[in-house]
C-alpha atoms as a PDB file:
ATOM      1  CA  MET A   1     -48.736 -55.189 -84.349  1.00  0.00           C
ATOM      2  CA  GLU A   2     -52.566 -55.831 -84.539  1.00  0.00           C
ATOM      3  CA  LYS A   3     -54.577 -52.926 -84.910  1.00  0.00           C
ATOM      4  CA  HIS A   4     -57.333 -52.605 -82.215  1.00  0.00           C
ATOM      5  CA  ARG A   5     -60.617 -53.711 -82.791  1.00  0.00           C
ATOM      6  CA  ILE A   6     -62.344 -50.213 -82.745  1.00  0.00           C
ATOM      7  CA  PHE A   7     -59.667 -48.698 -85.089  1.00  0.00           C
ATOM      8  CA  THR A   8     -61.616 -50.928 -88.102  1.00  0.00           C
ATOM      9  CA  THR A   9     -65.064 -51.009 -86.927  1.00  0.00           C
ATOM     10  CA  SER A  10     -67.506 -48.870 -88.941  1.00  0.00           C
ATOM     11  CA  PHE A  11     -68.536 -45.412 -87.457  1.00  0.00           C
ATOM     12  CA  ALA A  12     -71.904 -46.239 -88.492  1.00  0.00           C
ATOM     13  CA  SER A  13     -72.126 -49.412 -86.374  1.00  0.00           C
ATOM     14  CA  VAL A  14     -71.430 -47.131 -83.479  1.00  0.00           C
ATOM     15  CA  TYR A  15     -72.885 -43.858 -84.479  1.00  0.00           C
ATOM     16  CA  PRO A  16     -76.739 -44.854 -83.151  1.00  0.00           C
ATOM     17  CA  HIS A  17     -75.485 -46.044 -80.039  1.00  0.00           C
ATOM     18  CA  TYR A  18     -73.879 -42.775 -79.403  1.00  0.00           C
ATOM     19  CA  ILE A  19     -77.397 -41.137 -80.496  1.00  0.00           C
ATOM     20  CA  THR A  20     -79.204 -43.730 -78.139  1.00  0.00           C
ATOM     21  CA  LYS A  21     -77.487 -43.500 -74.894  1.00  0.00           C
ATOM     22  CA  ALA A  22     -78.243 -39.375 -75.534  1.00  0.00           C
ATOM     23  CA  GLU A  23     -81.608 -39.603 -76.156  1.00  0.00           C
ATOM     24  CA  LYS A  24     -82.456 -42.168 -72.941  1.00  0.00           C
ATOM     25  CA  LYS A  25     -81.100 -39.246 -71.084  1.00  0.00           C
ATOM     26  CA  GLY A  26     -83.566 -36.843 -72.830  1.00  0.00           C
ATOM     27  CA  ARG A  27     -80.965 -35.303 -75.271  1.00  0.00           C
ATOM     28  CA  THR A  28     -81.161 -35.550 -78.751  1.00  0.00           C
ATOM     29  CA  LYS A  29     -79.511 -36.437 -82.000  1.00  0.00           C
ATOM     30  CA  GLU A  30     -79.204 -32.947 -83.024  1.00  0.00           C
ATOM     31  CA  GLU A  31     -76.758 -32.574 -79.844  1.00  0.00           C
ATOM     32  CA  VAL A  32     -74.586 -35.593 -80.836  1.00  0.00           C
ATOM     33  CA  ASP A  33     -73.799 -34.239 -84.507  1.00  0.00           C
ATOM     34  CA  SER A  34     -72.991 -30.780 -83.273  1.00  0.00           C
ATOM     35  CA  ILE A  35     -70.716 -32.493 -80.874  1.00  0.00           C
ATOM     36  CA  ILE A  36     -69.363 -34.089 -83.838  1.00  0.00           C
ATOM     37  CA  TYR A  37     -68.837 -31.122 -86.319  1.00  0.00           C
ATOM     38  CA  TRP A  38     -67.561 -29.342 -83.330  1.00  0.00           C
ATOM     39  CA  LEU A  39     -64.704 -32.083 -82.798  1.00  0.00           C
ATOM     40  CA  THR A  40     -63.892 -33.102 -86.508  1.00  0.00           C
ATOM     41  CA  GLY A  41     -65.004 -30.240 -89.049  1.00  0.00           C
ATOM     42  CA  TYR A  42     -67.111 -32.482 -90.749  1.00  0.00           C
ATOM     43  CA  SER A  43     -70.469 -31.327 -92.050  1.00  0.00           C
ATOM     44  CA  PRO A  44     -73.781 -32.653 -91.910  1.00  0.00           C
ATOM     45  CA  THR A  45     -73.592 -33.686 -95.682  1.00  0.00           C
ATOM     46  CA  ALA A  46     -69.956 -35.340 -95.150  1.00  0.00           C
ATOM     47  CA  LEU A  47     -70.849 -37.179 -91.935  1.00  0.00           C
ATOM     48  CA  GLN A  48     -74.026 -38.258 -93.290  1.00  0.00           C
ATOM     49  CA  LYS A  49     -71.382 -39.881 -96.358  1.00  0.00           C
ATOM     50  CA  LEU A  50     -69.132 -41.286 -94.095  1.00  0.00           C
ATOM     51  CA  ILE A  51     -71.896 -43.229 -92.411  1.00  0.00           C
ATOM     52  CA  ASP A  52     -73.612 -44.515 -95.781  1.00  0.00           C
ATOM     53  CA  ASN A  53     -70.218 -45.930 -96.264  1.00  0.00           C
ATOM     54  CA  LYS A  54     -69.726 -47.424 -93.217  1.00  0.00           C
ATOM     55  CA  THR A  55     -66.605 -45.474 -92.874  1.00  0.00           C
ATOM     56  CA  ASP A  56     -64.008 -47.303 -90.230  1.00  0.00           C
ATOM     57  CA  PHE A  57     -63.089 -45.001 -87.274  1.00  0.00           C
ATOM     58  CA  GLU A  58     -59.147 -44.764 -88.522  1.00  0.00           C
ATOM     59  CA  THR A  59     -60.723 -43.229 -91.554  1.00  0.00           C
ATOM     60  CA  PHE A  60     -62.818 -41.139 -89.879  1.00  0.00           C
ATOM     61  CA  PHE A  61     -60.509 -39.574 -87.792  1.00  0.00           C
ATOM     62  CA  ALA A  62     -57.405 -39.783 -90.201  1.00  0.00           C
ATOM     63  CA  GLU A  63     -60.029 -37.883 -93.118  1.00  0.00           C
ATOM     64  CA  ALA A  64     -61.305 -35.461 -90.322  1.00  0.00           C
ATOM     65  CA  PRO A  65     -61.503 -31.577 -92.317  1.00  0.00           C
ATOM     66  CA  GLN A  66     -60.174 -29.843 -88.764  1.00  0.00           C
ATOM     67  CA  MET A  67     -59.644 -31.990 -85.476  1.00  0.00           C
ATOM     68  CA  ASN A  68     -61.105 -29.273 -82.897  1.00  0.00           C
ATOM     69  CA  GLU A  69     -58.054 -26.718 -81.548  1.00  0.00           C
ATOM     70  CA  HIS A  70     -59.690 -27.354 -78.017  1.00  0.00           C
ATOM     71  CA  THR A  71     -59.358 -31.072 -77.527  1.00  0.00           C
ATOM     72  CA  SER A  72     -56.903 -30.575 -75.080  1.00  0.00           C
ATOM     73  CA  LYS A  73     -59.111 -29.404 -72.603  1.00  0.00           C
ATOM     74  CA  ILE A  74     -61.316 -32.613 -72.850  1.00  0.00           C
ATOM     75  CA  THR A  75     -59.946 -34.266 -69.599  1.00  0.00           C
ATOM     76  CA  GLY A  76     -61.332 -36.747 -67.583  1.00  0.00           C
ATOM     77  CA  ILE A  77     -61.308 -40.936 -67.126  1.00  0.00           C
ATOM     78  CA  ILE A  78     -63.372 -42.858 -70.173  1.00  0.00           C
ATOM     79  CA  CYS A  79     -63.328 -46.275 -70.410  1.00  0.00           C
ATOM     80  CA  GLY A  80     -60.684 -46.674 -67.146  1.00  0.00           C
ATOM     81  CA  TYR A  81     -58.519 -44.512 -69.043  1.00  0.00           C
ATOM     82  CA  ARG A  82     -57.935 -40.526 -68.593  1.00  0.00           C
ATOM     83  CA  VAL A  83     -58.220 -39.416 -71.913  1.00  0.00           C
ATOM     84  CA  GLU A  84     -55.406 -36.496 -71.799  1.00  0.00           C
ATOM     85  CA  ASP A  85     -52.675 -39.408 -71.123  1.00  0.00           C
ATOM     86  CA  ILE A  86     -53.521 -41.821 -73.929  1.00  0.00           C
ATOM     87  CA  GLU A  87     -50.406 -42.029 -75.934  1.00  0.00           C
ATOM     88  CA  ASP A  88     -52.155 -43.613 -79.105  1.00  0.00           C
ATOM     89  CA  LYS A  89     -53.726 -40.780 -80.984  1.00  0.00           C
ATOM     90  CA  LEU A  90     -55.939 -42.426 -82.750  1.00  0.00           C
ATOM     91  CA  MET A  91     -57.489 -44.183 -79.532  1.00  0.00           C
ATOM     92  CA  GLN A  92     -57.214 -40.874 -77.628  1.00  0.00           C
ATOM     93  CA  LYS A  93     -59.182 -39.240 -80.490  1.00  0.00           C
ATOM     94  CA  ILE A  94     -61.786 -42.102 -80.123  1.00  0.00           C
ATOM     95  CA  ARG A  95     -61.983 -41.706 -76.191  1.00  0.00           C
ATOM     96  CA  TYR A  96     -62.404 -37.953 -76.720  1.00  0.00           C
ATOM     97  CA  LEU A  97     -65.448 -38.813 -78.852  1.00  0.00           C
ATOM     98  CA  ASP A  98     -66.865 -41.258 -75.880  1.00  0.00           C
ATOM     99  CA  LYS A  99     -66.059 -38.690 -73.317  1.00  0.00           C
ATOM    100  CA  LEU A 100     -68.174 -35.841 -74.956  1.00  0.00           C
ATOM    101  CA  ILE A 101     -70.685 -38.459 -75.908  1.00  0.00           C
ATOM    102  CA  ASP A 102     -70.857 -39.455 -71.919  1.00  0.00           C
ATOM    103  CA  GLU A 103     -71.189 -36.101 -70.898  1.00  0.00           C
ATOM    104  CA  LEU A 104     -74.026 -35.096 -72.700  1.00  0.00           C
ATOM    105  CA  ALA A 105     -75.612 -38.108 -71.596  1.00  0.00           C
ATOM    106  CA  LYS A 106     -74.904 -36.784 -67.794  1.00  0.00           C
ATOM    107  CA  GLY A 107     -76.518 -33.353 -68.736  1.00  0.00           C
ATOM    108  CA  LYS A 108     -73.734 -31.100 -68.934  1.00  0.00           C
ATOM    109  CA  ALA A 109     -74.429 -27.553 -71.015  1.00  0.00           C
ATOM    110  CA  MET A 110     -73.596 -28.042 -74.520  1.00  0.00           C
ATOM    111  CA  GLY A 111     -71.376 -24.742 -74.027  1.00  0.00           C
ATOM    112  CA  LYS A 112     -69.538 -26.902 -71.361  1.00  0.00           C
ATOM    113  CA  ILE A 113     -69.341 -30.027 -73.399  1.00  0.00           C
ATOM    114  CA  LEU A 114     -67.953 -27.865 -76.801  1.00  0.00           C
ATOM    115  CA  ARG A 115     -65.317 -26.231 -74.321  1.00  0.00           C
ATOM    116  CA  THR A 116     -66.728 -22.497 -74.940  1.00  0.00           C
END
């Protein structure tokens, strides 16, 4: 079976779009990074290394130090799909990140985004 294109897309090529989406709505790069750290367990140094190495999404999530234990609390629709119902685990993780960035851009408080 052929891999979905997003799996082989470099995280570095999408990351600036996350930041742009957030900044257009008055949010910050630091908030985007906080979401990524929360979701994946990456440190600032590790995240920068992944960006510099143009790591693809498949590797980005496969090597994530610690997916957050509260990911099951991320629910709702993104790109026409309910994130909690996505069967492909890698696609689900990518959509979790999309959903969190979307919530940031929609003005949700960081505490609610990070499910605290």
